Structure formats: structure tokens, C-alpha cells
Amino acid sequence: MAFTNSTKILLLVALTATTLPAAGIAKPNSYPGENSKFKSNDPAVIAQQRAEQQKRIEDRKKRREEKRLERLNRKKNRSN
């Protein structure tokens, strides 16, 4: 008798867990737009954000070039 009751309970729990919508099993503290930033309609704010983005891109390119030159120098010094 106990075996059949526990089997019924297990099947009921499994059935409920598999039929829940995806939102019910989502990560805690997550909601649509959680990682999105505020998008302003102000042209000055948009221009500032684009300038900051371009600066970050240029900095990234500069760091990549510096690392590439450093690797080339190490490689060159190793062969001497």
C-alpha cells in the first residue's frame, strides 16, 4: 500500500514539474529587460553614448595591438 501511494505522489510531482511554464522555472530575480540599459530619445545623450562606445572600441583595438606587438617582440627575442 505504501509503495503505491509513494508512486502516485512521485508521478504527480513529476507531472507537475514537467508541465510548468518556462517562466515558472526561470532564474530568480530575472525579468525582461534586466540587462538592458535605458534608451533615451535625447540626441545629446545618444551622441554621448555613441562617443563613449567608440572610445571603448578604440581602447580595445589599442590594447589588442599592444599585446600583438608584445607577443611579436617575445617571439623575436626568443629566436636570438
PDB file of N, CA and C in Angstrom:
ATOM      1  N   MET A   1       0.810  -1.177   0.000  1.00  0.00           N
ATOM      2  CA  MET A   1       0.000   0.000   0.000  1.00  0.00           C
ATOM      3  C   MET A   1       0.870   1.264   0.000  1.00  0.00           C
ATOM      4  N   ALA A   2       1.915   1.263   0.838  1.00  0.00           N
ATOM      5  CA  ALA A   2       2.778   2.432   0.917  1.00  0.00           C
ATOM      6  C   ALA A   2       3.532   2.632  -0.395  1.00  0.00           C
ATOM      7  N   PHE A   3       3.855   1.545  -1.044  1.00  0.00           N
ATOM      8  CA  PHE A   3       4.569   1.646  -2.312  1.00  0.00           C
ATOM      9  C   PHE A   3       3.705   2.315  -3.370  1.00  0.00           C
ATOM     10  N   THR A   4       2.449   1.996  -3.446  1.00  0.00           N
ATOM     11  CA  THR A   4       1.577   2.597  -4.456  1.00  0.00           C
ATOM     12  C   THR A   4       1.304   4.061  -4.151  1.00  0.00           C
ATOM     13  N   ASN A   5       1.165   4.422  -2.877  1.00  0.00           N
ATOM     14  CA  ASN A   5       0.956   5.833  -2.531  1.00  0.00           C
ATOM     15  C   ASN A   5       2.177   6.662  -2.882  1.00  0.00           C
ATOM     16  N   SER A   6       3.363   6.171  -2.563  1.00  0.00           N
ATOM     17  CA  SER A   6       4.578   6.928  -2.884  1.00  0.00           C
ATOM     18  C   SER A   6       4.773   7.023  -4.399  1.00  0.00           C
ATOM     19  N   THR A   7       4.389   5.980  -5.126  1.00  0.00           N
ATOM     20  CA  THR A   7       4.487   6.010  -6.580  1.00  0.00           C
ATOM     21  C   THR A   7       3.536   7.057  -7.151  1.00  0.00           C
ATOM     22  N   LYS A   8       2.331   7.117  -6.624  1.00  0.00           N
ATOM     23  CA  LYS A   8       1.362   8.113  -7.077  1.00  0.00           C
ATOM     24  C   LYS A   8       1.882   9.528  -6.810  1.00  0.00           C
ATOM     25  N   ILE A   9       2.433   9.740  -5.641  1.00  0.00           N
ATOM     26  CA  ILE A   9       2.951  11.060  -5.280  1.00  0.00           C
ATOM     27  C   ILE A   9       4.121  11.429  -6.187  1.00  0.00           C
ATOM     28  N   LEU A  10       5.003  10.490  -6.433  1.00  0.00           N
ATOM     29  CA  LEU A  10       6.143  10.750  -7.306  1.00  0.00           C
ATOM     30  C   LEU A  10       5.681  11.096  -8.717  1.00  0.00           C
ATOM     31  N   LEU A  11       4.742  10.363  -9.247  1.00  0.00           N
ATOM     32  CA  LEU A  11       4.214  10.658 -10.584  1.00  0.00           C
ATOM     33  C   LEU A  11       3.523  12.012 -10.620  1.00  0.00           C
ATOM     34  N   LEU A  12       2.795  12.351  -9.578  1.00  0.00           N
ATOM     35  CA  LEU A  12       2.125  13.645  -9.515  1.00  0.00           C
ATOM     36  C   LEU A  12       3.134  14.790  -9.501  1.00  0.00           C
ATOM     37  N   VAL A  13       4.196  14.635  -8.713  1.00  0.00           N
ATOM     38  CA  VAL A  13       5.237  15.675  -8.648  1.00  0.00           C
ATOM     39  C   VAL A  13       5.957  15.790  -9.987  1.00  0.00           C
ATOM     40  N   ALA A  14       6.277  14.671 -10.600  1.00  0.00           N
ATOM     41  CA  ALA A  14       6.961  14.695 -11.890  1.00  0.00           C
ATOM     42  C   ALA A  14       6.088  15.330 -12.962  1.00  0.00           C
ATOM     43  N   LEU A  15       4.804  15.012 -12.951  1.00  0.00           N
ATOM     44  CA  LEU A  15       3.882  15.575 -13.930  1.00  0.00           C
ATOM     45  C   LEU A  15       3.745  17.075 -13.747  1.00  0.00           C
ATOM     46  N   THR A  16       3.657  17.529 -12.515  1.00  0.00           N
ATOM     47  CA  THR A  16       3.527  18.971 -12.267  1.00  0.00           C
ATOM     48  C   THR A  16       4.809  19.705 -12.642  1.00  0.00           C
ATOM     49  N   ALA A  17       5.948  19.107 -12.379  1.00  0.00           N
ATOM     50  CA  ALA A  17       7.211  19.778 -12.683  1.00  0.00           C
ATOM     51  C   ALA A  17       7.435  19.895 -14.190  1.00  0.00           C
ATOM     52  N   THR A  18       7.001  18.924 -14.932  1.00  0.00           N
ATOM     53  CA  THR A  18       7.243  18.970 -16.382  1.00  0.00           C
ATOM     54  C   THR A  18       6.222  19.810 -17.117  1.00  0.00           C
ATOM     55  N   THR A  19       5.075  20.074 -16.526  1.00  0.00           N
ATOM     56  CA  THR A  19       4.050  20.860 -17.207  1.00  0.00           C
ATOM     57  C   THR A  19       4.071  22.328 -16.821  1.00  0.00           C
ATOM     58  N   LEU A  20       4.980  22.731 -15.938  1.00  0.00           N
ATOM     59  CA  LEU A  20       5.065  24.137 -15.565  1.00  0.00           C
ATOM     60  C   LEU A  20       5.565  24.950 -16.750  1.00  0.00           C
ATOM     61  N   PRO A  21       5.092  26.176 -16.919  1.00  0.00           N
ATOM     62  CA  PRO A  21       5.619  27.022 -17.998  1.00  0.00           C
ATOM     63  C   PRO A  21       7.061  27.420 -17.700  1.00  0.00           C
ATOM     64  N   ALA A  22       7.751  27.861 -18.733  1.00  0.00           N
ATOM     65  CA  ALA A  22       9.169  28.211 -18.581  1.00  0.00           C
ATOM     66  C   ALA A  22       9.362  29.352 -17.596  1.00  0.00           C
ATOM     67  N   ALA A  23       8.401  30.258 -17.502  1.00  0.00           N
ATOM     68  CA  ALA A  23       8.528  31.379 -16.573  1.00  0.00           C
ATOM     69  C   ALA A  23       8.532  30.897 -15.124  1.00  0.00           C
ATOM     70  N   GLY A  24       7.911  29.781 -14.870  1.00  0.00           N
ATOM     71  CA  GLY A  24       7.858  29.266 -13.515  1.00  0.00           C
ATOM     72  C   GLY A  24       9.182  28.702 -13.050  1.00  0.00           C
ATOM     73  N   ILE A  25      10.028  28.306 -13.975  1.00  0.00           N
ATOM     74  CA  ILE A  25      11.319  27.731 -13.606  1.00  0.00           C
ATOM     75  C   ILE A  25      12.472  28.631 -14.041  1.00  0.00           C
ATOM     76  N   ALA A  26      12.189  29.910 -14.248  1.00  0.00           N
ATOM     77  CA  ALA A  26      13.224  30.853 -14.667  1.00  0.00           C
ATOM     78  C   ALA A  26      14.174  31.127 -13.506  1.00  0.00           C
ATOM     79  N   LYS A  27      15.292  31.753 -13.847  1.00  0.00           N
ATOM     80  CA  LYS A  27      16.255  32.120 -12.819  1.00  0.00           C
ATOM     81  C   LYS A  27      15.616  33.108 -11.845  1.00  0.00           C
ATOM     82  N   PRO A  28      15.986  33.048 -10.584  1.00  0.00           N
ATOM     83  CA  PRO A  28      15.449  34.028  -9.643  1.00  0.00           C
ATOM     84  C   PRO A  28      15.957  35.420  -9.984  1.00  0.00           C
ATOM     85  N   ASN A  29      15.159  36.410  -9.696  1.00  0.00           N
ATOM     86  CA  ASN A  29      15.484  37.819  -9.919  1.00  0.00           C
ATOM     87  C   ASN A  29      15.692  38.152 -11.393  1.00  0.00           C
ATOM     88  N   SER A  30      15.105  37.393 -12.290  1.00  0.00           N
ATOM     89  CA  SER A  30      15.243  37.741 -13.696  1.00  0.00           C
ATOM     90  C   SER A  30      13.906  38.225 -14.223  1.00  0.00           C
ATOM     91  N   TYR A  31      13.951  39.208 -15.066  1.00  0.00           N
ATOM     92  CA  TYR A  31      12.755  39.747 -15.671  1.00  0.00           C
ATOM     93  C   TYR A  31      13.141  40.321 -17.025  1.00  0.00           C
ATOM     94  N   PRO A  32      12.204  40.508 -17.930  1.00  0.00           N
ATOM     95  CA  PRO A  32      12.541  41.032 -19.249  1.00  0.00           C
ATOM     96  C   PRO A  32      13.202  42.400 -19.138  1.00  0.00           C
ATOM     97  N   GLY A  33      14.276  42.575 -19.848  1.00  0.00           N
ATOM     98  CA  GLY A  33      14.969  43.858 -19.829  1.00  0.00           C
ATOM     99  C   GLY A  33      15.900  44.024 -18.659  1.00  0.00           C
ATOM    100  N   GLU A  34      16.198  42.955 -17.969  1.00  0.00           N
ATOM    101  CA  GLU A  34      17.043  43.052 -16.773  1.00  0.00           C
ATOM    102  C   GLU A  34      18.420  43.616 -17.116  1.00  0.00           C
ATOM    103  N   ASN A  35      18.983  43.171 -18.225  1.00  0.00           N
ATOM    104  CA  ASN A  35      20.328  43.600 -18.586  1.00  0.00           C
ATOM    105  C   ASN A  35      20.325  44.709 -19.638  1.00  0.00           C
ATOM    106  N   SER A  36      19.161  45.203 -19.989  1.00  0.00           N
ATOM    107  CA  SER A  36      19.115  46.269 -20.982  1.00  0.00           C
ATOM    108  C   SER A  36      19.307  47.612 -20.300  1.00  0.00           C
ATOM    109  N   LYS A  37      19.823  48.572 -21.057  1.00  0.00           N
ATOM    110  CA  LYS A  37      20.036  49.890 -20.479  1.00  0.00           C
ATOM    111  C   LYS A  37      18.936  50.840 -20.946  1.00  0.00           C
ATOM    112  N   PHE A  38      18.779  51.907 -20.234  1.00  0.00           N
ATOM    113  CA  PHE A  38      17.760  52.892 -20.567  1.00  0.00           C
ATOM    114  C   PHE A  38      18.109  53.538 -21.894  1.00  0.00           C
ATOM    115  N   LYS A  39      17.153  53.590 -22.802  1.00  0.00           N
ATOM    116  CA  LYS A  39      17.379  54.201 -24.108  1.00  0.00           C
ATOM    117  C   LYS A  39      16.658  55.537 -24.153  1.00  0.00           C
ATOM    118  N   SER A  40      17.440  56.571 -24.247  1.00  0.00           N
ATOM    119  CA  SER A  40      16.891  57.913 -24.244  1.00  0.00           C
ATOM    120  C   SER A  40      16.566  58.348 -25.677  1.00  0.00           C
ATOM    121  N   ASN A  41      15.660  59.295 -25.801  1.00  0.00           N
ATOM    122  CA  ASN A  41      15.346  59.879 -27.102  1.00  0.00           C
ATOM    123  C   ASN A  41      16.080  61.195 -27.299  1.00  0.00           C
ATOM    124  N   ASP A  42      16.831  61.612 -26.288  1.00  0.00           N
ATOM    125  CA  ASP A  42      17.557  62.873 -26.352  1.00  0.00           C
ATOM    126  C   ASP A  42      18.783  62.706 -27.250  1.00  0.00           C
ATOM    127  N   PRO A  43      18.904  63.498 -28.329  1.00  0.00           N
ATOM    128  CA  PRO A  43      20.048  63.362 -29.247  1.00  0.00           C
ATOM    129  C   PRO A  43      21.405  63.581 -28.575  1.00  0.00           C
ATOM    130  N   ALA A  44      21.448  64.466 -27.579  1.00  0.00           N
ATOM    131  CA  ALA A  44      22.716  64.726 -26.889  1.00  0.00           C
ATOM    132  C   ALA A  44      23.158  63.490 -26.102  1.00  0.00           C
ATOM    133  N   VAL A  45      22.229  62.822 -25.458  1.00  0.00           N
ATOM    134  CA  VAL A  45      22.537  61.622 -24.677  1.00  0.00           C
ATOM    135  C   VAL A  45      22.968  60.499 -25.618  1.00  0.00           C
ATOM    136  N   ILE A  46      22.265  60.369 -26.731  1.00  0.00           N
ATOM    137  CA  ILE A  46      22.615  59.338 -27.707  1.00  0.00           C
ATOM    138  C   ILE A  46      24.007  59.582 -28.266  1.00  0.00           C
ATOM    139  N   ALA A  47      24.317  60.826 -28.580  1.00  0.00           N
ATOM    140  CA  ALA A  47      25.645  61.161 -29.108  1.00  0.00           C
ATOM    141  C   ALA A  47      26.726  60.860 -28.073  1.00  0.00           C
ATOM    142  N   GLN A  48      26.452  61.159 -26.809  1.00  0.00           N
ATOM    143  CA  GLN A  48      27.421  60.884 -25.750  1.00  0.00           C
ATOM    144  C   GLN A  48      27.646  59.378 -25.602  1.00  0.00           C
ATOM    145  N   GLN A  49      26.565  58.593 -25.647  1.00  0.00           N
ATOM    146  CA  GLN A  49      26.701  57.141 -25.529  1.00  0.00           C
ATOM    147  C   GLN A  49      27.498  56.573 -26.699  1.00  0.00           C
ATOM    148  N   ARG A  50      27.238  57.075 -27.895  1.00  0.00           N
ATOM    149  CA  ARG A  50      27.992  56.598 -29.062  1.00  0.00           C
ATOM    150  C   ARG A  50      29.460  56.990 -28.977  1.00  0.00           C
ATOM    151  N   ALA A  51      29.741  58.192 -28.464  1.00  0.00           N
ATOM    152  CA  ALA A  51      31.135  58.616 -28.304  1.00  0.00           C
ATOM    153  C   ALA A  51      31.848  57.727 -27.287  1.00  0.00           C
ATOM    154  N   GLU A  52      31.163  57.392 -26.191  1.00  0.00           N
ATOM    155  CA  GLU A  52      31.758  56.503 -25.194  1.00  0.00           C
ATOM    156  C   GLU A  52      31.995  55.115 -25.779  1.00  0.00           C
ATOM    157  N   GLN A  53      31.045  54.654 -26.582  1.00  0.00           N
ATOM    158  CA  GLN A  53      31.200  53.338 -27.208  1.00  0.00           C
ATOM    159  C   GLN A  53      32.387  53.336 -28.170  1.00  0.00           C
ATOM    160  N   GLN A  54      32.524  54.389 -28.973  1.00  0.00           N
ATOM    161  CA  GLN A  54      33.648  54.472 -29.902  1.00  0.00           C
ATOM    162  C   GLN A  54      34.978  54.533 -29.147  1.00  0.00           C
ATOM    163  N   LYS A  55      34.985  55.243 -28.013  1.00  0.00           N
ATOM    164  CA  LYS A  55      36.203  55.317 -27.213  1.00  0.00           C
ATOM    165  C   LYS A  55      36.580  53.939 -26.682  1.00  0.00           C
ATOM    166  N   ARG A  56      35.579  53.183 -26.201  1.00  0.00           N
ATOM    167  CA  ARG A  56      35.854  51.830 -25.712  1.00  0.00           C
ATOM    168  C   ARG A  56      36.369  50.933 -26.830  1.00  0.00           C
ATOM    169  N   ILE A  57      35.802  51.085 -28.025  1.00  0.00           N
ATOM    170  CA  ILE A  57      36.255  50.280 -29.165  1.00  0.00           C
ATOM    171  C   ILE A  57      37.691  50.623 -29.520  1.00  0.00           C
ATOM    172  N   GLU A  58      38.024  51.904 -29.543  1.00  0.00           N
ATOM    173  CA  GLU A  58      39.393  52.320 -29.853  1.00  0.00           C
ATOM    174  C   GLU A  58      40.374  51.839 -28.787  1.00  0.00           C
ATOM    175  N   ASP A  59      39.988  51.932 -27.526  1.00  0.00           N
ATOM    176  CA  ASP A  59      40.846  51.437 -26.442  1.00  0.00           C
ATOM    177  C   ASP A  59      41.090  49.941 -26.588  1.00  0.00           C
ATOM    178  N   ARG A  60      40.038  49.214 -26.945  1.00  0.00           N
ATOM    179  CA  ARG A  60      40.167  47.772 -27.133  1.00  0.00           C
ATOM    180  C   ARG A  60      41.117  47.455 -28.281  1.00  0.00           C
ATOM    181  N   LYS A  61      40.991  48.195 -29.375  1.00  0.00           N
ATOM    182  CA  LYS A  61      41.892  47.994 -30.525  1.00  0.00           C
ATOM    183  C   LYS A  61      43.341  48.292 -30.132  1.00  0.00           C
ATOM    184  N   LYS A  62      43.520  49.353 -29.349  1.00  0.00           N
ATOM    185  CA  LYS A  62      44.859  49.734 -28.908  1.00  0.00           C
ATOM    186  C   LYS A  62      45.478  48.643 -28.042  1.00  0.00           C
ATOM    187  N   ARG A  63      44.690  48.106 -27.090  1.00  0.00           N
ATOM    188  CA  ARG A  63      45.199  47.029 -26.231  1.00  0.00           C
ATOM    189  C   ARG A  63      45.537  45.787 -27.033  1.00  0.00           C
ATOM    190  N   ARG A  64      44.699  45.460 -28.000  1.00  0.00           N
ATOM    191  CA  ARG A  64      44.981  44.291 -28.842  1.00  0.00           C
ATOM    192  C   ARG A  64      46.273  44.474 -29.619  1.00  0.00           C
ATOM    193  N   GLU A  65      46.470  45.663 -30.174  1.00  0.00           N
ATOM    194  CA  GLU A  65      47.693  45.932 -30.937  1.00  0.00           C
ATOM    195  C   GLU A  65      48.924  45.872 -30.032  1.00  0.00           C
ATOM    196  N   GLU A  66      48.813  46.430 -28.826  1.00  0.00           N
ATOM    197  CA  GLU A  66      49.936  46.375 -27.892  1.00  0.00           C
ATOM    198  C   GLU A  66      50.278  44.934 -27.528  1.00  0.00           C
ATOM    199  N   LYS A  67      49.265  44.115 -27.287  1.00  0.00           N
ATOM    200  CA  LYS A  67      49.515  42.705 -26.957  1.00  0.00           C
ATOM    201  C   LYS A  67      50.130  41.974 -28.140  1.00  0.00           C
ATOM    202  N   ARG A  68      49.657  42.299 -29.353  1.00  0.00           N
ATOM    203  CA  ARG A  68      50.219  41.657 -30.542  1.00  0.00           C
ATOM    204  C   ARG A  68      51.692  42.017 -30.702  1.00  0.00           C
ATOM    205  N   LEU A  69      52.024  43.302 -30.520  1.00  0.00           N
ATOM    206  CA  LEU A  69      53.421  43.715 -30.629  1.00  0.00           C
ATOM    207  C   LEU A  69      54.275  43.082 -29.538  1.00  0.00           C
ATOM    208  N   GLU A  70      53.715  42.979 -28.346  1.00  0.00           N
ATOM    209  CA  GLU A  70      54.450  42.340 -27.249  1.00  0.00           C
ATOM    210  C   GLU A  70      54.734  40.870 -27.566  1.00  0.00           C
ATOM    211  N   ARG A  71      53.748  40.174 -28.103  1.00  0.00           N
ATOM    212  CA  ARG A  71      53.966  38.775 -28.486  1.00  0.00           C
ATOM    213  C   ARG A  71      55.026  38.662 -29.573  1.00  0.00           C
ATOM    214  N   LEU A  72      54.984  39.563 -30.544  1.00  0.00           N
ATOM    215  CA  LEU A  72      55.985  39.527 -31.615  1.00  0.00           C
ATOM    216  C   LEU A  72      57.384  39.786 -31.065  1.00  0.00           C
ATOM    217  N   ASN A  73      57.484  40.726 -30.143  1.00  0.00           N
ATOM    218  CA  ASN A  73      58.792  41.021 -29.544  1.00  0.00           C
ATOM    219  C   ASN A  73      59.323  39.835 -28.747  1.00  0.00           C
ATOM    220  N   ARG A  74      58.455  39.170 -27.996  1.00  0.00           N
ATOM    221  CA  ARG A  74      58.892  37.997 -27.238  1.00  0.00           C
ATOM    222  C   ARG A  74      59.342  36.902 -28.183  1.00  0.00           C
ATOM    223  N   LYS A  75      58.605  36.735 -29.257  1.00  0.00           N
ATOM    224  CA  LYS A  75      58.940  35.697 -30.228  1.00  0.00           C
ATOM    225  C   LYS A  75      60.278  35.998 -30.897  1.00  0.00           C
ATOM    226  N   LYS A  76      60.484  37.284 -31.213  1.00  0.00           N
ATOM    227  CA  LYS A  76      61.716  37.697 -31.861  1.00  0.00           C
ATOM    228  C   LYS A  76      62.912  37.521 -30.921  1.00  0.00           C
ATOM    229  N   ASN A  77      62.750  37.890 -29.658  1.00  0.00           N
ATOM    230  CA  ASN A  77      63.829  37.784 -28.678  1.00  0.00           C
ATOM    231  C   ASN A  77      64.153  36.327 -28.360  1.00  0.00           C
ATOM    232  N   ARG A  78      63.182  35.467 -28.471  1.00  0.00           N
ATOM    233  CA  ARG A  78      63.379  34.063 -28.172  1.00  0.00           C
ATOM    234  C   ARG A  78      64.274  33.399 -29.219  1.00  0.00           C
ATOM    235  N   SER A  79      64.149  33.851 -30.450  1.00  0.00           N
ATOM    236  CA  SER A  79      64.925  33.221 -31.524  1.00  0.00           C
ATOM    237  C   SER A  79      66.379  33.678 -31.551  1.00  0.00           C
ATOM    238  N   ASN A  80      66.728  34.756 -30.859  1.00  0.00           N
ATOM    239  CA  ASN A  80      68.124  35.253 -30.863  1.00  0.00           C
ATOM    240  C   ASN A  80      68.999  34.447 -29.963  1.00  0.00           C
TER     241      ASN A  80
END
